[in-house]
Protein backbone atom coordinates (compact mmCIF):
# COMPACT_ATOMS: atom_id res chain seq x y z
CA MET A 1 -41.91 49.90 142.07
CA LYS A 2 -44.77 48.18 142.15
CA ASP A 3 -46.78 46.37 145.04
CA VAL A 4 -45.26 48.84 147.57
CA ASP A 5 -46.80 47.95 151.12
CA PRO A 6 -48.31 51.12 152.15
CA ALA A 7 -47.43 50.36 155.98
CA GLU A 8 -43.95 49.74 154.79
CA THR A 9 -43.45 53.54 153.28
CA LYS A 10 -45.65 55.05 156.33
CA LYS A 11 -42.69 53.77 158.94
CA ILE A 12 -39.90 55.01 156.30
CA MET A 13 -41.84 58.59 156.58
CA THR A 14 -42.64 58.42 159.82
CA ARG A 15 -38.64 58.25 160.66
CA LEU A 16 -37.72 60.30 158.09
CA LYS A 17 -39.71 62.81 159.81
CA THR A 18 -38.14 61.81 163.35
CA VAL A 19 -35.09 62.89 161.29
CA ARG A 20 -36.26 65.69 160.06
CA GLY A 21 -37.63 67.02 163.38
CA HIS A 22 -33.66 66.26 165.01
CA ILE A 23 -32.03 68.48 162.38
CA ALA A 24 -34.32 71.38 163.31
CA GLY A 25 -33.57 70.46 167.03
CA VAL A 26 -29.96 70.78 166.58
CA GLU A 27 -30.56 74.49 163.99
CA ARG A 28 -31.98 75.67 167.14
CA MET A 29 -29.38 74.33 169.51
CA MET A 30 -26.75 76.19 167.24
CA GLU A 31 -28.62 79.15 167.59
CA GLU A 32 -29.40 78.84 171.35
CA GLU A 33 -25.56 78.69 171.25
CA LYS A 34 -26.13 75.21 173.62
CA SER A 35 -22.63 73.08 174.63
CA CYS A 36 -21.04 71.16 171.77
CA GLU A 37 -21.44 68.24 173.86
CA GLU A 38 -25.67 68.46 173.41
CA ILE A 39 -25.22 68.88 169.65
CA LEU A 40 -23.17 66.36 169.48
CA LEU A 41 -25.36 64.13 171.00
CA GLN A 42 -28.10 65.24 168.81
CA LEU A 43 -26.28 64.49 165.90
CA VAL A 44 -25.41 60.92 167.03
CA ALA A 45 -29.34 60.29 167.29
CA ILE A 46 -29.81 61.81 163.84
CA ARG A 47 -27.07 59.29 162.42
CA SER A 48 -28.78 56.43 164.16
CA ALA A 49 -32.20 57.66 162.74
CA VAL A 50 -30.72 57.87 158.97
CA HIS A 51 -28.83 54.36 159.63
CA LYS A 52 -32.69 52.76 160.43
CA VAL A 53 -33.87 54.60 157.49
CA SER A 54 -31.54 53.19 155.44
CA VAL A 55 -32.23 49.80 156.94
CA LEU A 56 -35.76 49.62 155.99
CA VAL A 57 -34.73 51.11 152.48
CA ALA A 58 -32.41 48.30 151.79
CA GLN A 59 -34.64 45.93 152.82
CA ARG A 60 -37.55 47.12 150.37
CA TYR A 61 -34.74 47.41 147.82
CA ALA A 62 -33.55 43.14 148.27
CA ASN A 63 -37.25 42.41 148.72
CA GLY A 64 -38.89 44.41 145.77
CA CYS A 65 -36.77 46.12 143.62
CA LEU A 66 -34.41 43.86 142.73
CA ILE A 67 -37.00 41.14 142.00
CA GLU A 68 -38.87 43.11 140.06
CA ALA A 69 -35.57 44.01 137.52
CA ILE A 70 -35.24 40.31 137.10
CA ASP A 71 -38.74 40.24 136.36
CA GLN A 72 -38.51 42.68 134.13
CA GLY A 73 -35.63 40.88 131.96
CA GLU A 74 -32.71 42.53 133.59
CA GLU A 75 -29.53 39.84 133.70
CA ARG A 76 -29.38 38.23 137.20
CA GLN A 77 -25.73 38.67 137.93
CA GLU A 78 -26.14 42.11 136.53
CA VAL A 79 -29.07 43.25 138.92
CA LEU A 80 -26.67 41.25 141.65
CA ASN A 81 -23.61 42.89 141.06
CA LYS A 82 -25.49 46.77 141.23
CA ALA A 83 -27.36 45.69 144.65
CA ILE A 84 -23.91 44.40 146.06
CA GLU A 85 -22.32 47.36 145.35
CA THR A 86 -25.42 49.99 146.15
CA LEU A 87 -25.63 48.17 149.41
CA MET A 88 -21.89 48.59 150.52
CA LYS A 89 -21.90 52.07 150.41
CA LEU A 90 -24.42 52.04 153.18
CA ASN A 91 -20.97 50.74 155.24
CA GLN A 92 -18.47 53.76 153.87
């Protein structure tokens, strides 16, 4: 994708590193036999962090990838249908 905002990429990468840290924390918690409640709370935090990354990438997709596909000659309706299908998968 052309014209990618480096600040946007940095924000996404920072959130992904946060997710990685949460996952490593859950692995340690499992090894240390922490309570199920503590582990589940960390898993909720992971799900929330992944959702936030998904939103940022979806915004990037809508603002950049779709426009780029149309500019490159792809049929507008086909691009929109594909976008809707892809974005709907976020809610499954």
